[in-house]
Structure formats: C-alpha cells, structure tokens
Amino acid sequence: MKKKNISRYLLILLSFLISMSFTPEPVNVVGKVTFPLGNVLVLNKGETRFRKATFNMPLNTGDKIETKKQSRCELTYNDGSVVRIDEQSIYTVEQAQFSESQKQVESKLSIGKLWANVKKLVRSNDSWKLKSPVAVVAVRGTIYRMNAGADSATQVLVYEGNVAVSPAAPSSAQPGMGTAPGPPKQVPGPTQVAPPTKVTPEQWFEIIKAQQQIVVRPDGTYAKSDFNMQTDAQLEWVQWNKERDALLKE
C-alpha cells in the first residue's frame, strides 16, 4: 500500500510540474474585437498561425489583424477609442499601455483602409500614433481615416480635430506576414490635391485640420489640400463608419 501511495503522489507531483511548465505568459490586454464582419483573422505576437476573430476577443499588444475580401473589423481599446479596418487590410497593435498616469498607443496600417475615432488625450505625456509604410499620424483626440495603397502611398483625411503628419522612418518590412493578404484592392485617389512638395522626408511636418487631407508618396513628397465633405459622405465606407460612430453616443 505504501508503494502505491508513493507512486500516486509522485504522479500527482509530475502532473503539477508539467502543467506549470505550460502556463501561458501574461498578456497585455489593451482592448477587444467588438465587431468582426466576415473573414477576419488575428495573429498573436510570437505565433505563426492566424485564427479567426470572434466577438469580444481580447486585443493584445503585438496582435496583427487581417481582413479578407468583403470583411471588416472594429476594435475598441480600453479607453473607448475605436479603430475600424476595411476589407483586405492589415493592422498591427505594435504597443499599447493604459494606466492612471499615462496612455501610449502605437499601431500600423500596412495596407488597406482604416477609420479611427480616438478619445481625447488629457495628459502631456499621452501619445497616440498610427503609422503607414511612409507616414506617421499623431493625434490628441480626433476622427480621421487613412488609406494605405499597395505602393505604400498614404492618404489621411480629417473629420474632427486635427492631426500631425510626418514621414515614417525607412523600413524594408513587407506588408504581408503569415498568411498572404491576397491581391490588394486599389485605393481611390484623392481629389483636388495640390502638386507634391519637393522636399526630403526629414524636412517636413504638417498639421492637418478638419476637412483637410494629405497624400504622402513613397518618395517622400506630399500634397495637402481641402476635400469635399459632401462628396466624401457618399462613400459607403464613410457612411458605415459614421453610423457606427453614432452608436457610440447612445
């Protein structure tokens, strides 16, 4: 009997040690997937396989979200800020931190279309940045959208507040990672845009206000202009986002 009891206790101890060795590392939950529509995939940091997004799936630092054809996804951060990505888009939460003393968010749209409704930042050390392959957008609380084309050209349009746009640091990273994003969808070009300003990427920094847009080209040139809000409001992507934003106020 004693030998049987000893073997039993050793088996229990071994099982406990094995379970401890496979305990997942703590993750930094910074929000959740609040509206996955269609075929939306999530790649967690450190993993190599995507999994299908589900309602209220936790959003973690390092997560990469990819939308396929006829698919969209809404993400809600812990502070209530909302980001939505259209079909055939790739978006990554590069880093995010929410605390009583600081709010820091940095993400990237590698390709596709994005709409952001960012809550107002109240502290001077708070930061909210969105990157594309060629531009960086910094905000203090605003509504804007970004288009990142297959050639990396980036268009930013502002609806409320203002944003600061500057060139992104040079990078050799490719838009795709993990599963292939599929053929990129053409991003509609801007209308009534002034000729590009010929400067090196390190020489410019622009404030874009409501009803203004900026187009940043892969060679570092850019063009800033007003855009027609009435014409813009006819776009289905814009209409859908405004309807979703209206739900936030209810």
Protein backbone atom coordinates (compact mmCIF):
# COMPACT_ATOMS: atom_id res chain seq x y z
CA MET A 1 0.00 0.00 0.00
CA LYS A 2 2.79 2.41 0.86
CA LYS A 3 4.47 1.88 -2.51
CA LYS A 4 1.17 2.51 -4.28
CA ASN A 5 0.62 5.73 -2.31
CA ILE A 6 4.15 6.94 -3.07
CA SER A 7 3.67 6.24 -6.78
CA ARG A 8 0.36 8.06 -6.69
CA TYR A 9 1.85 11.14 -5.03
CA LEU A 10 4.77 11.14 -7.49
CA LEU A 11 2.31 11.00 -10.40
CA ILE A 12 0.33 13.95 -9.00
CA LEU A 13 3.54 15.95 -8.47
CA LEU A 14 4.73 15.19 -12.01
CA SER A 15 1.38 16.28 -13.47
CA PHE A 16 1.53 19.53 -11.50
CA LEU A 17 5.08 20.31 -12.68
CA ILE A 18 4.11 19.62 -16.31
CA SER A 19 1.06 21.90 -16.08
CA MET A 20 3.20 24.68 -14.57
CA SER A 21 5.71 24.42 -17.40
CA PHE A 22 2.94 25.09 -19.94
CA THR A 23 1.37 28.03 -18.12
CA PRO A 24 0.98 30.82 -20.71
CA GLU A 25 2.85 34.04 -20.17
CA PRO A 26 0.76 37.03 -19.06
CA VAL A 27 -0.53 39.11 -21.97
CA ASN A 28 -1.20 42.81 -22.14
CA VAL A 29 -4.92 43.06 -22.93
CA VAL A 30 -5.45 46.54 -24.37
CA GLY A 31 -8.94 46.19 -25.84
CA LYS A 32 -11.21 43.78 -27.68
CA VAL A 33 -12.63 42.91 -31.08
CA THR A 34 -16.10 44.45 -30.91
CA PHE A 35 -17.39 43.81 -34.43
CA PRO A 36 -15.74 41.24 -36.73
CA LEU A 37 -17.61 41.09 -40.01
CA GLY A 38 -16.81 38.31 -42.48
CA ASN A 39 -13.42 36.63 -42.62
CA VAL A 40 -11.27 38.43 -40.04
CA LEU A 41 -8.05 36.82 -38.84
CA VAL A 42 -5.82 37.54 -35.83
CA LEU A 43 -2.15 36.65 -35.42
CA ASN A 44 -0.94 36.87 -31.83
CA LYS A 45 2.61 38.02 -31.12
CA GLY A 46 5.06 35.14 -31.19
CA GLU A 47 2.71 32.83 -33.09
CA THR A 48 2.88 31.73 -36.73
CA ARG A 49 -0.73 30.80 -37.44
CA PHE A 50 -3.73 33.11 -37.72
CA ARG A 51 -7.02 32.33 -36.01
CA LYS A 52 -10.50 33.60 -36.79
CA ALA A 53 -11.58 36.68 -34.83
CA THR A 54 -14.67 36.40 -32.63
CA PHE A 55 -16.89 38.92 -30.86
CA ASN A 56 -15.22 40.34 -27.73
CA MET A 57 -11.96 38.53 -28.43
CA PRO A 58 -9.24 40.20 -26.30
CA LEU A 59 -6.92 42.56 -28.16
CA ASN A 60 -3.31 42.26 -27.04
CA THR A 61 -0.12 44.17 -27.67
CA GLY A 62 1.54 42.73 -30.76
CA ASP A 63 -1.67 41.43 -32.35
CA LYS A 64 -1.92 41.63 -36.14
CA ILE A 65 -5.42 41.81 -37.67
CA GLU A 66 -6.03 40.90 -41.30
CA THR A 67 -9.34 41.28 -43.13
CA LYS A 68 -10.11 39.30 -46.27
CA LYS A 69 -12.45 40.25 -49.14
CA GLN A 70 -15.88 41.57 -48.10
CA SER A 71 -14.77 41.67 -44.46
CA ARG A 72 -14.37 44.41 -41.86
CA CYS A 73 -13.39 44.66 -38.23
CA GLU A 74 -13.98 47.07 -35.37
CA LEU A 75 -11.56 47.22 -32.44
CA THR A 76 -12.27 49.04 -29.19
CA TYR A 77 -9.35 49.99 -26.95
CA ASN A 78 -9.57 50.11 -23.15
CA ASP A 79 -10.04 53.90 -23.15
CA GLY A 80 -13.03 53.70 -25.51
CA SER A 81 -11.14 54.72 -28.65
CA VAL A 82 -12.29 52.84 -31.74
CA VAL A 83 -10.39 51.70 -34.83
CA ARG A 84 -12.07 50.05 -37.82
CA ILE A 85 -10.37 48.43 -40.79
CA ASP A 86 -11.95 47.73 -44.16
CA GLU A 87 -11.59 44.64 -46.33
CA GLN A 88 -8.14 43.48 -47.45
CA SER A 89 -6.37 45.45 -44.76
CA ILE A 90 -3.56 44.59 -42.34
CA TYR A 91 -3.36 46.39 -38.98
CA THR A 92 -0.94 45.77 -36.11
CA VAL A 93 -1.04 46.90 -32.47
CA GLU A 94 2.68 47.50 -32.06
CA GLN A 95 2.47 48.75 -28.48
CA ALA A 96 -0.24 49.99 -26.14
CA GLN A 97 -0.34 50.97 -22.49
CA PHE A 98 -3.21 52.35 -20.42
CA SER A 99 -2.63 53.46 -16.84
CA GLU A 100 -3.71 56.21 -14.44
CA SER A 101 -0.61 58.23 -15.31
CA GLN A 102 -0.09 57.50 -18.97
CA LYS A 103 -1.71 56.44 -22.24
CA GLN A 104 0.58 55.25 -25.03
CA VAL A 105 -0.63 53.63 -28.26
CA GLU A 106 1.35 52.95 -31.42
CA SER A 107 -0.09 50.91 -34.30
CA LYS A 108 0.43 50.41 -38.01
CA LEU A 109 -1.74 50.08 -41.12
CA SER A 110 0.45 48.16 -43.56
CA ILE A 111 -2.12 48.19 -46.35
CA GLY A 112 -5.83 48.95 -46.77
CA LYS A 113 -8.26 51.40 -45.20
CA LEU A 114 -8.72 52.48 -41.59
CA TRP A 115 -11.11 54.74 -39.65
CA ALA A 116 -10.14 56.00 -36.19
CA ASN A 117 -12.27 57.68 -33.51
CA VAL A 118 -9.72 58.48 -30.80
CA LYS A 119 -10.69 59.69 -27.34
CA LYS A 120 -9.18 62.99 -26.25
CA LEU A 121 -5.76 62.78 -24.62
CA VAL A 122 -5.60 64.91 -21.48
CA ARG A 123 -2.01 64.49 -20.23
CA SER A 124 1.03 65.98 -21.92
CA ASN A 125 2.86 62.63 -21.86
CA ASP A 126 -0.03 60.76 -23.53
CA SER A 127 0.60 59.64 -27.09
CA TRP A 128 -1.48 58.04 -29.85
CA LYS A 129 0.26 57.29 -33.15
CA LEU A 130 -0.75 55.47 -36.30
CA LYS A 131 1.85 54.55 -38.89
CA SER A 132 1.75 53.53 -42.53
CA PRO A 133 4.78 52.43 -44.57
CA VAL A 134 5.53 56.10 -45.42
CA ALA A 135 3.82 58.29 -42.79
CA VAL A 136 3.20 58.73 -39.06
CA VAL A 137 -0.01 60.30 -37.75
CA ALA A 138 -0.05 61.67 -34.18
CA VAL A 139 -3.36 62.72 -32.59
CA ARG A 140 -4.65 64.24 -29.36
CA GLY A 141 -8.25 63.10 -29.88
CA THR A 142 -9.95 63.24 -33.26
CA ILE A 143 -11.79 61.41 -36.03
CA TYR A 144 -9.86 60.66 -39.19
CA ARG A 145 -9.26 57.94 -41.73
CA MET A 146 -6.24 56.56 -43.55
CA ASN A 147 -5.76 54.77 -46.87
CA ALA A 148 -2.51 52.86 -47.43
CA GLY A 149 -2.10 51.72 -51.03
CA ALA A 150 -0.26 48.74 -52.47
CA ASP A 151 2.58 51.10 -53.45
CA SER A 152 2.69 52.43 -49.83
CA ALA A 153 1.26 55.84 -50.85
CA THR A 154 -0.82 57.10 -47.93
CA GLN A 155 -3.86 59.36 -47.75
CA VAL A 156 -5.10 60.86 -44.46
CA LEU A 157 -8.43 62.71 -44.20
CA VAL A 158 -9.54 64.52 -41.02
CA TYR A 159 -13.18 64.94 -39.90
CA GLU A 160 -12.85 66.39 -36.41
CA GLY A 161 -9.95 68.00 -34.55
CA ASN A 162 -6.53 67.87 -36.17
CA VAL A 163 -3.62 65.51 -36.67
CA ALA A 164 0.13 65.91 -37.05
CA VAL A 165 1.62 64.06 -40.02
CA SER A 166 5.32 63.37 -40.56
CA PRO A 167 7.34 60.89 -42.65
CA ALA A 168 7.88 57.36 -41.38
CA ALA A 169 11.36 56.01 -40.76
CA PRO A 170 12.67 53.97 -43.71
CA SER A 171 11.80 50.28 -43.41
CA SER A 172 12.30 47.18 -45.52
CA ALA A 173 9.37 45.34 -43.91
CA GLN A 174 6.77 43.91 -46.25
CA PRO A 175 3.02 44.38 -45.68
CA GLY A 176 2.26 40.66 -45.51
CA MET A 177 3.14 38.28 -42.69
CA GLY A 178 1.82 34.82 -42.01
CA THR A 179 -0.99 34.12 -44.44
CA ALA A 180 -0.93 36.00 -47.72
CA PRO A 181 -3.15 39.13 -47.75
CA GLY A 182 -4.40 38.37 -51.25
CA PRO A 183 -4.49 40.79 -54.14
CA PRO A 184 -4.57 44.35 -52.79
CA LYS A 185 -7.60 46.46 -53.55
CA GLN A 186 -6.95 49.74 -55.30
CA VAL A 187 -7.39 52.73 -53.01
CA PRO A 188 -9.31 55.58 -54.65
CA GLY A 189 -7.08 58.55 -55.33
CA PRO A 190 -7.67 61.93 -53.71
CA THR A 191 -9.43 64.75 -55.48
CA GLN A 192 -8.31 68.36 -55.89
CA VAL A 193 -4.85 67.78 -54.49
CA ALA A 194 -2.11 70.36 -54.96
CA PRO A 195 1.17 69.41 -56.70
CA PRO A 196 3.58 67.47 -54.45
CA THR A 197 6.01 69.46 -52.34
CA LYS A 198 9.58 68.55 -53.26
CA VAL A 199 11.45 68.09 -50.01
CA THR A 200 13.39 65.32 -48.36
CA PRO A 201 11.43 63.19 -45.83
CA GLU A 202 13.29 64.75 -42.87
CA GLN A 203 12.25 68.31 -43.76
CA TRP A 204 8.50 68.36 -43.24
CA PHE A 205 5.87 68.20 -40.55
CA GLU A 206 2.25 69.13 -41.28
CA ILE A 207 -0.83 69.83 -39.15
CA ILE A 208 -3.96 68.58 -40.93
CA LYS A 209 -7.22 70.12 -39.70
CA ALA A 210 -10.87 69.11 -40.15
CA GLN A 211 -11.94 68.97 -43.82
CA GLN A 212 -8.31 68.70 -44.91
CA GLN A 213 -6.34 65.82 -46.36
CA ILE A 214 -2.73 64.96 -47.07
CA VAL A 215 -1.25 62.45 -49.50
CA VAL A 216 2.24 61.15 -48.75
CA ARG A 217 4.03 59.47 -51.63
CA PRO A 218 6.67 56.72 -51.41
CA ASP A 219 9.42 59.15 -52.50
CA GLY A 220 8.77 61.43 -49.51
CA THR A 221 6.86 64.15 -51.37
CA TYR A 222 3.43 65.15 -50.12
CA ALA A 223 0.39 67.20 -51.07
CA LYS A 224 -2.02 68.91 -48.68
CA SER A 225 -5.47 70.27 -49.58
CA ASP A 226 -9.12 70.58 -48.57
CA PHE A 227 -11.56 67.85 -49.55
CA ASN A 228 -15.28 67.98 -50.34
CA MET A 229 -17.14 66.69 -47.28
CA GLN A 230 -20.40 66.22 -49.21
CA THR A 231 -18.79 64.13 -51.92
CA ASP A 232 -16.82 62.18 -49.33
CA ALA A 233 -20.02 61.44 -47.39
CA GLN A 234 -21.36 59.49 -50.38
CA LEU A 235 -18.71 56.78 -49.96
CA GLU A 236 -20.16 53.60 -48.45
CA TRP A 237 -17.09 53.14 -46.22
CA VAL A 238 -17.57 56.63 -44.77
CA GLN A 239 -21.32 56.15 -44.28
CA TRP A 240 -20.81 52.86 -42.45
CA ASN A 241 -18.26 54.37 -40.07
CA LYS A 242 -20.45 57.37 -39.30
CA GLU A 243 -23.31 55.02 -38.48
CA ARG A 244 -21.05 53.03 -36.17
CA ASP A 245 -19.76 56.24 -34.54
CA ALA A 246 -23.34 57.34 -33.88
CA LEU A 247 -23.85 54.17 -31.82
CA LEU A 248 -21.00 55.23 -29.55
CA LYS A 249 -23.02 58.26 -28.43
CA GLU A 250 -26.11 56.30 -27.46
